[in-house]
Amino acid sequence: EKVNWAEIYKDDNEPHSPDIDSEPGNNKPGEDDIDDAPVILAVVTGSTPTYVGLVIIAVSIVAGGVVLIKKFVI
């Protein structure tokens, strides 16, 4: 679990009135210009049949190349 957080660094209130309860960009905890959200990161890799299929294709290509080289080059 990671915590994703963001803080307001620039404000543009009309008519240029400052924020009365926080100062943008000061990294001070507890102000209302900071927000955080816990995030769960997960990594999923391919399944076994996918890897077996890729290995079979790769070996077939290499074997076919060896056969063709032996037949036409050597």
PDB file of N, CA and C in Angstrom:
ATOM      1  N   GLU A   1       0.844  -1.176   0.000  1.00  0.00           N
ATOM      2  CA  GLU A   1       0.000   0.000   0.000  1.00  0.00           C
ATOM      3  C   GLU A   1       0.887   1.237   0.000  1.00  0.00           C
ATOM      4  N   LYS A   2       0.604   2.137  -0.872  1.00  0.00           N
ATOM      5  CA  LYS A   2       1.304   3.418  -0.975  1.00  0.00           C
ATOM      6  C   LYS A   2       0.305   4.529  -0.717  1.00  0.00           C
ATOM      7  N   VAL A   3       0.811   5.689  -0.330  1.00  0.00           N
ATOM      8  CA  VAL A   3      -0.067   6.838  -0.119  1.00  0.00           C
ATOM      9  C   VAL A   3       0.228   7.867  -1.195  1.00  0.00           C
ATOM     10  N   ASN A   4      -0.773   8.174  -1.986  1.00  0.00           N
ATOM     11  CA  ASN A   4      -0.675   9.188  -3.029  1.00  0.00           C
ATOM     12  C   ASN A   4      -1.177  10.498  -2.428  1.00  0.00           C
ATOM     13  N   TRP A   5      -0.382  11.549  -2.514  1.00  0.00           N
ATOM     14  CA  TRP A   5      -0.814  12.819  -1.928  1.00  0.00           C
ATOM     15  C   TRP A   5      -0.551  13.963  -2.892  1.00  0.00           C
ATOM     16  N   ALA A   6      -1.307  15.019  -2.719  1.00  0.00           N
ATOM     17  CA  ALA A   6      -1.172  16.201  -3.568  1.00  0.00           C
ATOM     18  C   ALA A   6      -1.429  17.441  -2.725  1.00  0.00           C
ATOM     19  N   GLU A   7      -0.758  18.521  -3.096  1.00  0.00           N
ATOM     20  CA  GLU A   7      -0.948  19.797  -2.405  1.00  0.00           C
ATOM     21  C   GLU A   7      -1.127  20.896  -3.446  1.00  0.00           C
ATOM     22  N   ILE A   8      -1.976  21.835  -3.133  1.00  0.00           N
ATOM     23  CA  ILE A   8      -2.168  22.986  -4.004  1.00  0.00           C
ATOM     24  C   ILE A   8      -0.955  23.895  -3.857  1.00  0.00           C
ATOM     25  N   TYR A   9      -0.318  24.228  -4.970  1.00  0.00           N
ATOM     26  CA  TYR A   9       0.866  25.083  -4.935  1.00  0.00           C
ATOM     27  C   TYR A   9       0.595  26.490  -5.442  1.00  0.00           C
ATOM     28  N   LYS A  10      -0.518  26.673  -6.131  1.00  0.00           N
ATOM     29  CA  LYS A  10      -0.815  27.991  -6.659  1.00  0.00           C
ATOM     30  C   LYS A  10      -2.316  28.187  -6.607  1.00  0.00           C
ATOM     31  N   ASP A  11      -2.751  29.345  -6.134  1.00  0.00           N
ATOM     32  CA  ASP A  11      -4.183  29.629  -6.131  1.00  0.00           C
ATOM     33  C   ASP A  11      -4.447  30.946  -6.845  1.00  0.00           C
ATOM     34  N   ASP A  12      -5.629  31.067  -7.367  1.00  0.00           N
ATOM     35  CA  ASP A  12      -6.024  32.276  -8.069  1.00  0.00           C
ATOM     36  C   ASP A  12      -7.467  32.577  -7.691  1.00  0.00           C
ATOM     37  N   ASN A  13      -7.639  33.118  -6.503  1.00  0.00           N
ATOM     38  CA  ASN A  13      -8.974  33.452  -6.019  1.00  0.00           C
ATOM     39  C   ASN A  13      -9.414  34.794  -6.579  1.00  0.00           C
ATOM     40  N   GLU A  14     -10.687  34.915  -6.803  1.00  0.00           N
ATOM     41  CA  GLU A  14     -11.240  36.192  -7.283  1.00  0.00           C
ATOM     42  C   GLU A  14     -11.830  36.944  -6.119  1.00  0.00           C
ATOM     43  N   PRO A  15     -11.667  38.163  -5.928  1.00  0.00           N
ATOM     44  CA  PRO A  15     -10.731  39.058  -6.617  1.00  0.00           C
ATOM     45  C   PRO A  15      -9.383  39.099  -5.887  1.00  0.00           C
ATOM     46  N   HIS A  16      -8.541  38.145  -6.134  1.00  0.00           N
ATOM     47  CA  HIS A  16      -7.188  38.033  -5.563  1.00  0.00           C
ATOM     48  C   HIS A  16      -7.200  38.086  -4.041  1.00  0.00           C
ATOM     49  N   SER A  17      -8.116  37.366  -3.443  1.00  0.00           N
ATOM     50  CA  SER A  17      -8.145  37.292  -1.984  1.00  0.00           C
ATOM     51  C   SER A  17      -7.347  36.076  -1.545  1.00  0.00           C
ATOM     52  N   PRO A  18      -6.486  36.208  -0.545  1.00  0.00           N
ATOM     53  CA  PRO A  18      -5.665  35.072  -0.106  1.00  0.00           C
ATOM     54  C   PRO A  18      -6.506  34.022   0.617  1.00  0.00           C
ATOM     55  N   ASP A  19      -6.024  32.804   0.623  1.00  0.00           N
ATOM     56  CA  ASP A  19      -6.679  31.718   1.344  1.00  0.00           C
ATOM     57  C   ASP A  19      -6.474  31.963   2.843  1.00  0.00           C
ATOM     58  N   ILE A  20      -7.539  31.973   3.603  1.00  0.00           N
ATOM     59  CA  ILE A  20      -7.428  32.371   5.009  1.00  0.00           C
ATOM     60  C   ILE A  20      -6.988  31.238   5.923  1.00  0.00           C
ATOM     61  N   ASP A  21      -7.094  29.972   5.492  1.00  0.00           N
ATOM     62  CA  ASP A  21      -6.743  28.881   6.394  1.00  0.00           C
ATOM     63  C   ASP A  21      -5.602  27.992   5.905  1.00  0.00           C
ATOM     64  N   SER A  22      -4.908  28.389   4.846  1.00  0.00           N
ATOM     65  CA  SER A  22      -3.744  27.626   4.393  1.00  0.00           C
ATOM     66  C   SER A  22      -2.889  28.488   3.479  1.00  0.00           C
ATOM     67  N   GLU A  23      -1.636  28.055   3.360  1.00  0.00           N
ATOM     68  CA  GLU A  23      -0.688  28.732   2.470  1.00  0.00           C
ATOM     69  C   GLU A  23      -0.234  27.723   1.420  1.00  0.00           C
ATOM     70  N   PRO A  24      -0.475  27.980   0.154  1.00  0.00           N
ATOM     71  CA  PRO A  24      -0.116  27.022  -0.891  1.00  0.00           C
ATOM     72  C   PRO A  24       1.388  26.746  -0.942  1.00  0.00           C
ATOM     73  N   GLY A  25       1.739  25.466  -1.111  1.00  0.00           N
ATOM     74  CA  GLY A  25       3.116  25.074  -1.359  1.00  0.00           C
ATOM     75  C   GLY A  25       4.043  25.055  -0.168  1.00  0.00           C
ATOM     76  N   ASN A  26       3.544  25.001   1.066  1.00  0.00           N
ATOM     77  CA  ASN A  26       4.457  25.012   2.204  1.00  0.00           C
ATOM     78  C   ASN A  26       4.646  23.642   2.840  1.00  0.00           C
ATOM     79  N   ASN A  27       4.009  22.592   2.311  1.00  0.00           N
ATOM     80  CA  ASN A  27       4.129  21.211   2.805  1.00  0.00           C
ATOM     81  C   ASN A  27       3.838  21.078   4.298  1.00  0.00           C
ATOM     82  N   LYS A  28       2.936  21.847   4.817  1.00  0.00           N
ATOM     83  CA  LYS A  28       2.595  21.797   6.238  1.00  0.00           C
ATOM     84  C   LYS A  28       1.385  20.882   6.435  1.00  0.00           C
ATOM     85  N   PRO A  29       1.542  19.787   7.187  1.00  0.00           N
ATOM     86  CA  PRO A  29       0.422  18.879   7.415  1.00  0.00           C
ATOM     87  C   PRO A  29      -0.705  19.555   8.194  1.00  0.00           C
ATOM     88  N   GLY A  30      -1.922  19.121   7.941  1.00  0.00           N
ATOM     89  CA  GLY A  30      -3.061  19.641   8.668  1.00  0.00           C
ATOM     90  C   GLY A  30      -3.810  20.752   7.968  1.00  0.00           C
ATOM     91  N   GLU A  31      -3.246  21.335   6.948  1.00  0.00           N
ATOM     92  CA  GLU A  31      -3.947  22.379   6.208  1.00  0.00           C
ATOM     93  C   GLU A  31      -4.910  21.737   5.217  1.00  0.00           C
ATOM     94  N   ASP A  32      -5.906  22.497   4.795  1.00  0.00           N
ATOM     95  CA  ASP A  32      -6.902  21.924   3.896  1.00  0.00           C
ATOM     96  C   ASP A  32      -6.484  21.944   2.425  1.00  0.00           C
ATOM     97  N   ASP A  33      -5.247  22.337   2.122  1.00  0.00           N
ATOM     98  CA  ASP A  33      -4.790  22.307   0.729  1.00  0.00           C
ATOM     99  C   ASP A  33      -3.990  21.045   0.407  1.00  0.00           C
ATOM    100  N   ILE A  34      -3.928  20.098   1.352  1.00  0.00           N
ATOM    101  CA  ILE A  34      -3.245  18.823   1.132  1.00  0.00           C
ATOM    102  C   ILE A  34      -4.299  17.713   1.181  1.00  0.00           C
ATOM    103  N   ASP A  35      -4.219  16.774   0.232  1.00  0.00           N
ATOM    104  CA  ASP A  35      -5.131  15.649   0.216  1.00  0.00           C
ATOM    105  C   ASP A  35      -4.323  14.393  -0.053  1.00  0.00           C
ATOM    106  N   ASP A  36      -4.704  13.298   0.577  1.00  0.00           N
ATOM    107  CA  ASP A  36      -4.006  12.046   0.343  1.00  0.00           C
ATOM    108  C   ASP A  36      -5.016  10.917   0.152  1.00  0.00           C
ATOM    109  N   ALA A  37      -4.537   9.860  -0.500  1.00  0.00           N
ATOM    110  CA  ALA A  37      -5.378   8.704  -0.755  1.00  0.00           C
ATOM    111  C   ALA A  37      -4.505   7.456  -0.764  1.00  0.00           C
ATOM    112  N   PRO A  38      -4.834   6.463   0.058  1.00  0.00           N
ATOM    113  CA  PRO A  38      -4.066   5.208   0.013  1.00  0.00           C
ATOM    114  C   PRO A  38      -4.379   4.446  -1.273  1.00  0.00           C
ATOM    115  N   VAL A  39      -3.334   3.873  -1.863  1.00  0.00           N
ATOM    116  CA  VAL A  39      -3.464   3.152  -3.131  1.00  0.00           C
ATOM    117  C   VAL A  39      -2.780   1.798  -2.983  1.00  0.00           C
ATOM    118  N   ILE A  40      -3.426   0.748  -3.416  1.00  0.00           N
ATOM    119  CA  ILE A  40      -2.818  -0.582  -3.392  1.00  0.00           C
ATOM    120  C   ILE A  40      -2.325  -0.891  -4.799  1.00  0.00           C
ATOM    121  N   LEU A  41      -1.025  -1.166  -4.913  1.00  0.00           N
ATOM    122  CA  LEU A  41      -0.415  -1.471  -6.201  1.00  0.00           C
ATOM    123  C   LEU A  41      -0.320  -2.984  -6.359  1.00  0.00           C
ATOM    124  N   ALA A  42      -0.671  -3.494  -7.523  1.00  0.00           N
ATOM    125  CA  ALA A  42      -0.581  -4.923  -7.798  1.00  0.00           C
ATOM    126  C   ALA A  42       0.017  -5.120  -9.185  1.00  0.00           C
ATOM    127  N   VAL A  43       0.856  -6.134  -9.301  1.00  0.00           N
ATOM    128  CA  VAL A  43       1.474  -6.463 -10.579  1.00  0.00           C
ATOM    129  C   VAL A  43       1.028  -7.865 -10.960  1.00  0.00           C
ATOM    130  N   VAL A  44       0.499  -8.001 -12.160  1.00  0.00           N
ATOM    131  CA  VAL A  44       0.058  -9.297 -12.643  1.00  0.00           C
ATOM    132  C   VAL A  44       0.839  -9.608 -13.909  1.00  0.00           C
ATOM    133  N   THR A  45       1.477 -10.762 -13.916  1.00  0.00           N
ATOM    134  CA  THR A  45       2.201 -11.184 -15.116  1.00  0.00           C
ATOM    135  C   THR A  45       1.337 -12.162 -15.894  1.00  0.00           C
ATOM    136  N   GLY A  46       1.825 -12.570 -17.035  1.00  0.00           N
ATOM    137  CA  GLY A  46       1.066 -13.482 -17.881  1.00  0.00           C
ATOM    138  C   GLY A  46       0.884 -14.849 -17.252  1.00  0.00           C
ATOM    139  N   SER A  47      -0.022 -15.621 -17.806  1.00  0.00           N
ATOM    140  CA  SER A  47      -0.296 -16.956 -17.289  1.00  0.00           C
ATOM    141  C   SER A  47       0.640 -17.976 -17.938  1.00  0.00           C
ATOM    142  N   THR A  48       0.697 -19.169 -17.374  1.00  0.00           N
ATOM    143  CA  THR A  48       1.595 -20.216 -17.858  1.00  0.00           C
ATOM    144  C   THR A  48       1.336 -20.597 -19.313  1.00  0.00           C
ATOM    145  N   PRO A  49       0.081 -20.776 -19.733  1.00  0.00           N
ATOM    146  CA  PRO A  49      -0.128 -21.127 -21.155  1.00  0.00           C
ATOM    147  C   PRO A  49       0.421 -20.079 -22.123  1.00  0.00           C
ATOM    148  N   THR A  50       0.386 -18.819 -21.735  1.00  0.00           N
ATOM    149  CA  THR A  50       0.928 -17.768 -22.598  1.00  0.00           C
ATOM    150  C   THR A  50       2.435 -17.939 -22.758  1.00  0.00           C
ATOM    151  N   TYR A  51       3.125 -18.190 -21.638  1.00  0.00           N
ATOM    152  CA  TYR A  51       4.574 -18.369 -21.709  1.00  0.00           C
ATOM    153  C   TYR A  51       4.941 -19.628 -22.496  1.00  0.00           C
ATOM    154  N   VAL A  52       4.194 -20.711 -22.310  1.00  0.00           N
ATOM    155  CA  VAL A  52       4.473 -21.947 -23.051  1.00  0.00           C
ATOM    156  C   VAL A  52       4.289 -21.710 -24.541  1.00  0.00           C
ATOM    157  N   GLY A  53       3.249 -21.005 -24.913  1.00  0.00           N
ATOM    158  CA  GLY A  53       3.014 -20.702 -26.326  1.00  0.00           C
ATOM    159  C   GLY A  53       4.132 -19.853 -26.923  1.00  0.00           C
ATOM    160  N   LEU A  54       4.583 -18.854 -26.173  1.00  0.00           N
ATOM    161  CA  LEU A  54       5.686 -18.012 -26.664  1.00  0.00           C
ATOM    162  C   LEU A  54       6.975 -18.809 -26.829  1.00  0.00           C
ATOM    163  N   VAL A  55       7.256 -19.707 -25.894  1.00  0.00           N
ATOM    164  CA  VAL A  55       8.471 -20.535 -25.995  1.00  0.00           C
ATOM    165  C   VAL A  55       8.381 -21.450 -27.211  1.00  0.00           C
ATOM    166  N   ILE A  56       7.226 -22.052 -27.442  1.00  0.00           N
ATOM    167  CA  ILE A  56       7.058 -22.935 -28.603  1.00  0.00           C
ATOM    168  C   ILE A  56       7.247 -22.156 -29.905  1.00  0.00           C
ATOM    169  N   ILE A  57       6.688 -20.968 -29.983  1.00  0.00           N
ATOM    170  CA  ILE A  57       6.851 -20.136 -31.189  1.00  0.00           C
ATOM    171  C   ILE A  57       8.315 -19.756 -31.389  1.00  0.00           C
ATOM    172  N   ALA A  58       9.000 -19.356 -30.317  1.00  0.00           N
ATOM    173  CA  ALA A  58      10.401 -18.949 -30.433  1.00  0.00           C
ATOM    174  C   ALA A  58      11.276 -20.122 -30.864  1.00  0.00           C
ATOM    175  N   VAL A  59      11.069 -21.285 -30.268  1.00  0.00           N
ATOM    176  CA  VAL A  59      11.866 -22.464 -30.643  1.00  0.00           C
ATOM    177  C   VAL A  59      11.572 -22.865 -32.082  1.00  0.00           C
ATOM    178  N   SER A  60      10.331 -22.751 -32.521  1.00  0.00           N
ATOM    179  CA  SER A  60       9.982 -23.087 -33.907  1.00  0.00           C
ATOM    180  C   SER A  60      10.671 -22.153 -34.889  1.00  0.00           C
ATOM    181  N   ILE A  61      10.716 -20.881 -34.576  1.00  0.00           N
ATOM    182  CA  ILE A  61      11.382 -19.918 -35.462  1.00  0.00           C
ATOM    183  C   ILE A  61      12.873 -20.210 -35.551  1.00  0.00           C
ATOM    184  N   VAL A  62      13.511 -20.459 -34.410  1.00  0.00           N
ATOM    185  CA  VAL A  62      14.954 -20.756 -34.415  1.00  0.00           C
ATOM    186  C   VAL A  62      15.219 -22.066 -35.163  1.00  0.00           C
ATOM    187  N   ALA A  63      14.428 -23.101 -34.898  1.00  0.00           N
ATOM    188  CA  ALA A  63      14.627 -24.388 -35.572  1.00  0.00           C
ATOM    189  C   ALA A  63      14.409 -24.244 -37.076  1.00  0.00           C
ATOM    190  N   GLY A  64      13.380 -23.515 -37.464  1.00  0.00           N
ATOM    191  CA  GLY A  64      13.142 -23.293 -38.894  1.00  0.00           C
ATOM    192  C   GLY A  64      14.293 -22.549 -39.543  1.00  0.00           C
ATOM    193  N   GLY A  65      14.850 -21.574 -38.855  1.00  0.00           N
ATOM    194  CA  GLY A  65      15.995 -20.838 -39.383  1.00  0.00           C
ATOM    195  C   GLY A  65      17.210 -21.729 -39.554  1.00  0.00           C
ATOM    196  N   VAL A  66      17.454 -22.611 -38.579  1.00  0.00           N
ATOM    197  CA  VAL A  66      18.598 -23.529 -38.671  1.00  0.00           C
ATOM    198  C   VAL A  66      18.413 -24.484 -39.848  1.00  0.00           C
ATOM    199  N   VAL A  67      17.223 -25.009 -40.027  1.00  0.00           N
ATOM    200  CA  VAL A  67      16.961 -25.935 -41.138  1.00  0.00           C
ATOM    201  C   VAL A  67      17.156 -25.224 -42.470  1.00  0.00           C
ATOM    202  N   LEU A  68      16.631 -24.017 -42.609  1.00  0.00           N
ATOM    203  CA  LEU A  68      16.765 -23.279 -43.863  1.00  0.00           C
ATOM    204  C   LEU A  68      18.215 -22.904 -44.135  1.00  0.00           C
ATOM    205  N   ILE A  69      18.960 -22.528 -43.118  1.00  0.00           N
ATOM    206  CA  ILE A  69      20.382 -22.196 -43.322  1.00  0.00           C
ATOM    207  C   ILE A  69      21.150 -23.424 -43.756  1.00  0.00           C
ATOM    208  N   LYS A  70      20.904 -24.566 -43.105  1.00  0.00           N
ATOM    209  CA  LYS A  70      21.600 -25.789 -43.484  1.00  0.00           C
ATOM    210  C   LYS A  70      21.230 -26.219 -44.912  1.00  0.00           C
ATOM    211  N   LYS A  71      19.996 -26.008 -45.294  1.00  0.00           N
ATOM    212  CA  LYS A  71      19.539 -26.445 -46.607  1.00  0.00           C
ATOM    213  C   LYS A  71      20.076 -25.550 -47.735  1.00  0.00           C
ATOM    214  N   PHE A  72      20.064 -24.219 -47.529  1.00  0.00           N
ATOM    215  CA  PHE A  72      20.408 -23.330 -48.628  1.00  0.00           C
ATOM    216  C   PHE A  72      21.803 -22.690 -48.526  1.00  0.00           C
ATOM    217  N   VAL A  73      22.395 -22.664 -47.360  1.00  0.00           N
ATOM    218  CA  VAL A  73      23.680 -21.989 -47.222  1.00  0.00           C
ATOM    219  C   VAL A  73      24.830 -22.981 -47.111  1.00  0.00           C
ATOM    220  N   ILE A  74      24.662 -23.988 -46.332  1.00  0.00           N
ATOM    221  CA  ILE A  74      25.785 -24.915 -46.074  1.00  0.00           C
ATOM    222  C   ILE A  74      25.740 -26.065 -47.042  1.00  0.00           C
TER     223      ILE A  74
END
